[in-house]
Amino acid sequence: MRALPQTTVNEMSASQQHYVHLLELYLDNNPIRLTDDVTDVVMGVNTFTAGGHLLDFQHDGDGNAMNISTVTVTLSGVDQAMIAAALQYQFVGRRMVVWRVYFNAAGTMLQPFILFDGRSDGPATEDDPASGTCTIQLRASGHFIDFERVRGRLTNHDAQQVFFPGDKGFEYVPQLGKEIQWGGK
């Protein structure tokens, strides 16, 4: 559980809430910063541009926990500079951060917090020549997406059959009752 300031917690439980999302995509020395707010949002020294481009994002999991967490950001009505960036840069492995910022009743920005921090899996573009629009979807995965993935090859009969059909070398391994460490004692 992340520790949020009490002012943010109070605003989150208010009957009427005003919050916006901020997107940071790090592309070399040219980070893209967008917001889904109707006006630009300044956070520190960074300005998040409101151009109506940040249409939607879907997030699963808690970005602060050690679990598989992904986010898909949909950018619509994208201008030529954004399309050029999507075609020019190698997106795979680039850092993507999604923030949430609450505003109190007076319109003062409260402390932002990170909803998601991970690495981009790359963009998918969809052009509609009839309407002249372009939509870009950016998908990213959390840092622990491969945390539970087993590396290397398994030493069991079924895994061996994938690479060497008919080989019987690992057929009786389950009957040994112990784990074999190759190169170990």
C-alpha atoms as a PDB file:
ATOM      1  CA  MET A   1       0.000   0.000   0.000  1.00  0.00           C
ATOM      2  CA  ARG A   2       1.447   3.347  -0.970  1.00  0.00           C
ATOM      3  CA  ALA A   3       1.521   6.215   1.486  1.00  0.00           C
ATOM      4  CA  LEU A   4      -0.489   9.159   0.196  1.00  0.00           C
ATOM      5  CA  PRO A   5      -0.734  12.563   1.844  1.00  0.00           C
ATOM      6  CA  GLN A   6      -3.862  13.002   3.957  1.00  0.00           C
ATOM      7  CA  THR A   7      -5.060  15.873   1.732  1.00  0.00           C
ATOM      8  CA  THR A   8      -5.057  13.536  -1.274  1.00  0.00           C
ATOM      9  CA  VAL A   9      -6.816  10.779   0.668  1.00  0.00           C
ATOM     10  CA  ASN A  10      -9.496  13.275   1.753  1.00  0.00           C
ATOM     11  CA  GLU A  11      -9.991  14.432  -1.830  1.00  0.00           C
ATOM     12  CA  MET A  12     -10.234  10.824  -3.051  1.00  0.00           C
ATOM     13  CA  SER A  13     -13.118  10.199  -0.659  1.00  0.00           C
ATOM     14  CA  ALA A  14     -14.952  13.447  -1.454  1.00  0.00           C
ATOM     15  CA  SER A  15     -18.373  13.257  -3.108  1.00  0.00           C
ATOM     16  CA  GLN A  16     -17.101  15.287  -6.076  1.00  0.00           C
ATOM     17  CA  GLN A  17     -13.603  14.728  -7.318  1.00  0.00           C
ATOM     18  CA  HIS A  18     -11.463  16.529  -9.848  1.00  0.00           C
ATOM     19  CA  TYR A  19      -8.418  14.634 -11.023  1.00  0.00           C
ATOM     20  CA  VAL A  20      -6.395  14.358 -14.212  1.00  0.00           C
ATOM     21  CA  HIS A  21      -3.895  11.910 -15.619  1.00  0.00           C
ATOM     22  CA  LEU A  22      -0.418  12.790 -16.781  1.00  0.00           C
ATOM     23  CA  LEU A  23       1.558  10.682 -19.253  1.00  0.00           C
ATOM     24  CA  GLU A  24       5.332  10.752 -19.600  1.00  0.00           C
ATOM     25  CA  LEU A  25       7.016   8.779 -22.359  1.00  0.00           C
ATOM     26  CA  TYR A  26      10.801   9.021 -22.355  1.00  0.00           C
ATOM     27  CA  LEU A  27      12.244   9.098 -25.877  1.00  0.00           C
ATOM     28  CA  ASP A  28      15.969   9.918 -25.704  1.00  0.00           C
ATOM     29  CA  ASN A  29      16.216  13.650 -24.979  1.00  0.00           C
ATOM     30  CA  ASN A  30      12.702  14.307 -26.273  1.00  0.00           C
ATOM     31  CA  PRO A  31      10.179  13.195 -23.621  1.00  0.00           C
ATOM     32  CA  ILE A  32       6.513  13.365 -24.552  1.00  0.00           C
ATOM     33  CA  ARG A  33       4.297  14.765 -21.800  1.00  0.00           C
ATOM     34  CA  LEU A  34       0.516  14.767 -22.223  1.00  0.00           C
ATOM     35  CA  THR A  35      -2.527  15.209 -20.000  1.00  0.00           C
ATOM     36  CA  ASP A  36      -6.218  14.366 -20.335  1.00  0.00           C
ATOM     37  CA  ASP A  37      -7.103  17.728 -18.734  1.00  0.00           C
ATOM     38  CA  VAL A  38      -8.614  20.553 -20.808  1.00  0.00           C
ATOM     39  CA  THR A  39      -5.649  22.841 -20.024  1.00  0.00           C
ATOM     40  CA  ASP A  40      -1.918  22.278 -19.734  1.00  0.00           C
ATOM     41  CA  VAL A  41      -0.746  21.026 -16.344  1.00  0.00           C
ATOM     42  CA  VAL A  42       2.571  22.159 -14.865  1.00  0.00           C
ATOM     43  CA  MET A  43       4.226  19.739 -12.457  1.00  0.00           C
ATOM     44  CA  GLY A  44       7.554  21.029 -11.191  1.00  0.00           C
ATOM     45  CA  VAL A  45       9.449  22.251 -14.227  1.00  0.00           C
ATOM     46  CA  ASN A  46       7.574  20.006 -16.678  1.00  0.00           C
ATOM     47  CA  THR A  47       4.506  21.017 -18.675  1.00  0.00           C
ATOM     48  CA  PHE A  48       2.028  18.318 -19.685  1.00  0.00           C
ATOM     49  CA  THR A  49       0.296  19.377 -22.880  1.00  0.00           C
ATOM     50  CA  ALA A  50      -3.467  19.257 -23.159  1.00  0.00           C
ATOM     51  CA  GLY A  51      -4.319  18.769 -26.793  1.00  0.00           C
ATOM     52  CA  GLY A  52      -7.080  16.249 -26.474  1.00  0.00           C
ATOM     53  CA  HIS A  53      -4.658  13.574 -27.624  1.00  0.00           C
ATOM     54  CA  LEU A  54      -4.679  11.500 -24.459  1.00  0.00           C
ATOM     55  CA  LEU A  55      -7.983   9.780 -25.017  1.00  0.00           C
ATOM     56  CA  ASP A  56      -7.973   6.826 -22.657  1.00  0.00           C
ATOM     57  CA  PHE A  57      -5.825   4.466 -20.697  1.00  0.00           C
ATOM     58  CA  GLN A  58      -6.542   1.043 -19.306  1.00  0.00           C
ATOM     59  CA  HIS A  59      -4.586  -0.078 -16.288  1.00  0.00           C
ATOM     60  CA  ASP A  60      -4.590  -3.389 -14.471  1.00  0.00           C
ATOM     61  CA  GLY A  61      -3.005  -4.094 -11.136  1.00  0.00           C
ATOM     62  CA  ASP A  62      -1.393  -1.820  -8.590  1.00  0.00           C
ATOM     63  CA  GLY A  63       1.668  -0.052  -9.950  1.00  0.00           C
ATOM     64  CA  ASN A  64       3.231  -0.150  -6.482  1.00  0.00           C
ATOM     65  CA  ALA A  65       2.984  -3.916  -5.975  1.00  0.00           C
ATOM     66  CA  MET A  66       5.208  -6.694  -7.266  1.00  0.00           C
ATOM     67  CA  ASN A  67       2.713  -8.131  -9.701  1.00  0.00           C
ATOM     68  CA  ILE A  68       2.163  -8.174 -13.418  1.00  0.00           C
ATOM     69  CA  SER A  69       0.871  -4.777 -14.362  1.00  0.00           C
ATOM     70  CA  THR A  70       0.174  -3.395 -17.816  1.00  0.00           C
ATOM     71  CA  VAL A  71      -1.212  -0.178 -19.205  1.00  0.00           C
ATOM     72  CA  THR A  72      -2.548   0.669 -22.646  1.00  0.00           C
ATOM     73  CA  VAL A  73      -2.680   4.350 -23.539  1.00  0.00           C
ATOM     74  CA  THR A  74      -4.818   5.446 -26.475  1.00  0.00           C
ATOM     75  CA  LEU A  75      -3.884   8.668 -28.220  1.00  0.00           C
ATOM     76  CA  SER A  76      -6.381  10.029 -30.703  1.00  0.00           C
ATOM     77  CA  GLY A  77      -6.486  13.038 -32.996  1.00  0.00           C
ATOM     78  CA  VAL A  78      -2.739  12.813 -33.002  1.00  0.00           C
ATOM     79  CA  ASP A  79      -0.852  15.637 -34.696  1.00  0.00           C
ATOM     80  CA  GLN A  80       1.926  15.104 -37.228  1.00  0.00           C
ATOM     81  CA  ALA A  81       4.703  15.562 -34.646  1.00  0.00           C
ATOM     82  CA  MET A  82       3.333  12.679 -32.554  1.00  0.00           C
ATOM     83  CA  ILE A  83       2.958  10.445 -35.627  1.00  0.00           C
ATOM     84  CA  ALA A  84       6.541  11.264 -36.621  1.00  0.00           C
ATOM     85  CA  ALA A  85       7.741  10.379 -33.110  1.00  0.00           C
ATOM     86  CA  ALA A  86       5.846   7.073 -33.233  1.00  0.00           C
ATOM     87  CA  LEU A  87       7.530   6.199 -36.523  1.00  0.00           C
ATOM     88  CA  GLN A  88      10.976   7.620 -35.710  1.00  0.00           C
ATOM     89  CA  TYR A  89      11.747   6.254 -32.262  1.00  0.00           C
ATOM     90  CA  GLN A  90      12.316   2.738 -31.066  1.00  0.00           C
ATOM     91  CA  PHE A  91       9.586   2.497 -28.391  1.00  0.00           C
ATOM     92  CA  VAL A  92      10.350  -0.969 -27.054  1.00  0.00           C
ATOM     93  CA  GLY A  93      11.893  -0.725 -23.608  1.00  0.00           C
ATOM     94  CA  ARG A  94      11.271   3.018 -23.203  1.00  0.00           C
ATOM     95  CA  ARG A  95      10.070   4.200 -19.811  1.00  0.00           C
ATOM     96  CA  MET A  96       6.398   5.198 -19.542  1.00  0.00           C
ATOM     97  CA  VAL A  97       4.918   6.800 -16.429  1.00  0.00           C
ATOM     98  CA  VAL A  98       1.239   7.534 -15.754  1.00  0.00           C
ATOM     99  CA  TRP A  99       0.494   9.941 -12.906  1.00  0.00           C
ATOM    100  CA  ARG A 100      -2.776  10.894 -11.240  1.00  0.00           C
ATOM    101  CA  VAL A 101      -3.200  14.383  -9.829  1.00  0.00           C
ATOM    102  CA  TYR A 102      -6.137  15.470  -7.642  1.00  0.00           C
ATOM    103  CA  PHE A 103      -7.259  19.076  -7.302  1.00  0.00           C
ATOM    104  CA  ASN A 104      -9.061  20.401  -4.235  1.00  0.00           C
ATOM    105  CA  ALA A 105     -12.274  22.472  -4.360  1.00  0.00           C
ATOM    106  CA  ALA A 106     -10.233  25.676  -4.715  1.00  0.00           C
ATOM    107  CA  GLY A 107      -8.481  24.251  -7.807  1.00  0.00           C
ATOM    108  CA  THR A 108      -5.102  23.778  -6.116  1.00  0.00           C
ATOM    109  CA  MET A 109      -3.109  20.811  -7.357  1.00  0.00           C
ATOM    110  CA  LEU A 110      -2.372  18.254  -4.644  1.00  0.00           C
ATOM    111  CA  GLN A 111       0.672  16.003  -4.590  1.00  0.00           C
ATOM    112  CA  PRO A 112       0.747  13.830  -7.738  1.00  0.00           C
ATOM    113  CA  PHE A 113       1.270  10.101  -7.411  1.00  0.00           C
ATOM    114  CA  ILE A 114       2.352   7.423  -9.857  1.00  0.00           C
ATOM    115  CA  LEU A 115      -0.269   4.973 -11.064  1.00  0.00           C
ATOM    116  CA  PHE A 116       2.091   3.138 -13.383  1.00  0.00           C
ATOM    117  CA  ASP A 117       5.819   3.069 -14.084  1.00  0.00           C
ATOM    118  CA  GLY A 118       7.088   0.574 -16.612  1.00  0.00           C
ATOM    119  CA  ARG A 119       8.591  -0.108 -20.013  1.00  0.00           C
ATOM    120  CA  SER A 120       6.903   0.320 -23.371  1.00  0.00           C
ATOM    121  CA  ASP A 121       6.144  -2.699 -25.509  1.00  0.00           C
ATOM    122  CA  GLY A 122       5.789  -0.462 -28.574  1.00  0.00           C
ATOM    123  CA  PRO A 123       3.125   1.508 -30.431  1.00  0.00           C
ATOM    124  CA  ALA A 124       0.312   0.304 -32.650  1.00  0.00           C
ATOM    125  CA  THR A 125      -1.033   2.823 -35.126  1.00  0.00           C
ATOM    126  CA  GLU A 126      -4.428   2.743 -36.801  1.00  0.00           C
ATOM    127  CA  ASP A 127      -5.120   5.076 -39.695  1.00  0.00           C
ATOM    128  CA  ASP A 128      -8.573   5.880 -41.046  1.00  0.00           C
ATOM    129  CA  PRO A 129      -8.032   7.536 -44.445  1.00  0.00           C
ATOM    130  CA  ALA A 130     -11.759   8.183 -44.891  1.00  0.00           C
ATOM    131  CA  SER A 131     -11.936  10.432 -41.823  1.00  0.00           C
ATOM    132  CA  GLY A 132      -8.288  11.518 -41.900  1.00  0.00           C
ATOM    133  CA  THR A 133      -7.670  10.426 -38.312  1.00  0.00           C
ATOM    134  CA  CYS A 134      -4.925   8.418 -36.676  1.00  0.00           C
ATOM    135  CA  THR A 135      -5.024   6.585 -33.366  1.00  0.00           C
ATOM    136  CA  ILE A 136      -1.910   5.374 -31.577  1.00  0.00           C
ATOM    137  CA  GLN A 137      -2.015   2.794 -28.805  1.00  0.00           C
ATOM    138  CA  LEU A 138       0.988   2.543 -26.527  1.00  0.00           C
ATOM    139  CA  ARG A 139       1.208  -0.595 -24.427  1.00  0.00           C
ATOM    140  CA  ALA A 140       3.602  -0.893 -21.516  1.00  0.00           C
ATOM    141  CA  SER A 141       4.398  -3.513 -18.912  1.00  0.00           C
ATOM    142  CA  GLY A 142       5.519  -3.103 -15.329  1.00  0.00           C
ATOM    143  CA  HIS A 143       9.061  -3.817 -14.240  1.00  0.00           C
ATOM    144  CA  PHE A 144       8.086  -7.200 -12.798  1.00  0.00           C
ATOM    145  CA  ILE A 145       6.297  -8.547 -15.888  1.00  0.00           C
ATOM    146  CA  ASP A 146       8.889 -11.348 -16.232  1.00  0.00           C
ATOM    147  CA  PHE A 147       9.448 -11.824 -12.509  1.00  0.00           C
ATOM    148  CA  GLU A 148       7.946 -15.322 -12.369  1.00  0.00           C
ATOM    149  CA  ARG A 149       9.003 -16.455 -15.836  1.00  0.00           C
ATOM    150  CA  VAL A 150      11.221 -19.522 -15.777  1.00  0.00           C
ATOM    151  CA  ARG A 151      14.483 -18.892 -17.610  1.00  0.00           C
ATOM    152  CA  GLY A 152      16.225 -21.473 -19.760  1.00  0.00           C
ATOM    153  CA  ARG A 153      14.983 -24.943 -20.579  1.00  0.00           C
ATOM    154  CA  LEU A 154      13.099 -27.280 -18.307  1.00  0.00           C
ATOM    155  CA  THR A 155      14.517 -30.729 -17.692  1.00  0.00           C
ATOM    156  CA  ASN A 156      11.389 -32.796 -17.976  1.00  0.00           C
ATOM    157  CA  HIS A 157      10.010 -35.191 -20.564  1.00  0.00           C
ATOM    158  CA  ASP A 158       7.388 -32.831 -22.037  1.00  0.00           C
ATOM    159  CA  ALA A 159       9.848 -29.964 -22.516  1.00  0.00           C
ATOM    160  CA  GLN A 160      12.359 -32.312 -24.125  1.00  0.00           C
ATOM    161  CA  GLN A 161       9.729 -33.507 -26.616  1.00  0.00           C
ATOM    162  CA  VAL A 162       9.289 -29.960 -27.922  1.00  0.00           C
ATOM    163  CA  PHE A 163      12.919 -29.825 -29.064  1.00  0.00           C
ATOM    164  CA  PHE A 164      13.651 -33.534 -29.627  1.00  0.00           C
ATOM    165  CA  PRO A 165      10.487 -35.552 -30.380  1.00  0.00           C
ATOM    166  CA  GLY A 166      10.884 -39.211 -29.484  1.00  0.00           C
ATOM    167  CA  ASP A 167      13.863 -38.672 -27.138  1.00  0.00           C
ATOM    168  CA  LYS A 168      13.478 -40.702 -23.945  1.00  0.00           C
ATOM    169  CA  GLY A 169      16.346 -39.063 -21.964  1.00  0.00           C
ATOM    170  CA  PHE A 170      14.086 -37.328 -19.439  1.00  0.00           C
ATOM    171  CA  GLU A 171      11.286 -39.883 -19.332  1.00  0.00           C
ATOM    172  CA  TYR A 172      12.113 -41.164 -15.823  1.00  0.00           C
ATOM    173  CA  VAL A 173      13.199 -37.883 -14.180  1.00  0.00           C
ATOM    174  CA  PRO A 174       9.970 -37.553 -12.091  1.00  0.00           C
ATOM    175  CA  GLN A 175      10.722 -40.925 -10.467  1.00  0.00           C
ATOM    176  CA  LEU A 176      14.071 -39.678  -9.104  1.00  0.00           C
ATOM    177  CA  GLY A 177      12.257 -37.668  -6.436  1.00  0.00           C
ATOM    178  CA  LYS A 178      14.901 -34.976  -6.276  1.00  0.00           C
ATOM    179  CA  GLU A 179      15.948 -31.920  -8.213  1.00  0.00           C
ATOM    180  CA  ILE A 180      18.944 -32.332 -10.501  1.00  0.00           C
ATOM    181  CA  GLN A 181      21.392 -29.411 -10.644  1.00  0.00           C
ATOM    182  CA  TRP A 182      23.477 -29.581 -13.787  1.00  0.00           C
ATOM    183  CA  GLY A 183      27.104 -28.832 -13.052  1.00  0.00           C
ATOM    184  CA  GLY A 184      26.368 -28.821  -9.322  1.00  0.00           C
ATOM    185  CA  LYS A 185      26.929 -31.291  -6.515  1.00  0.00           C
END
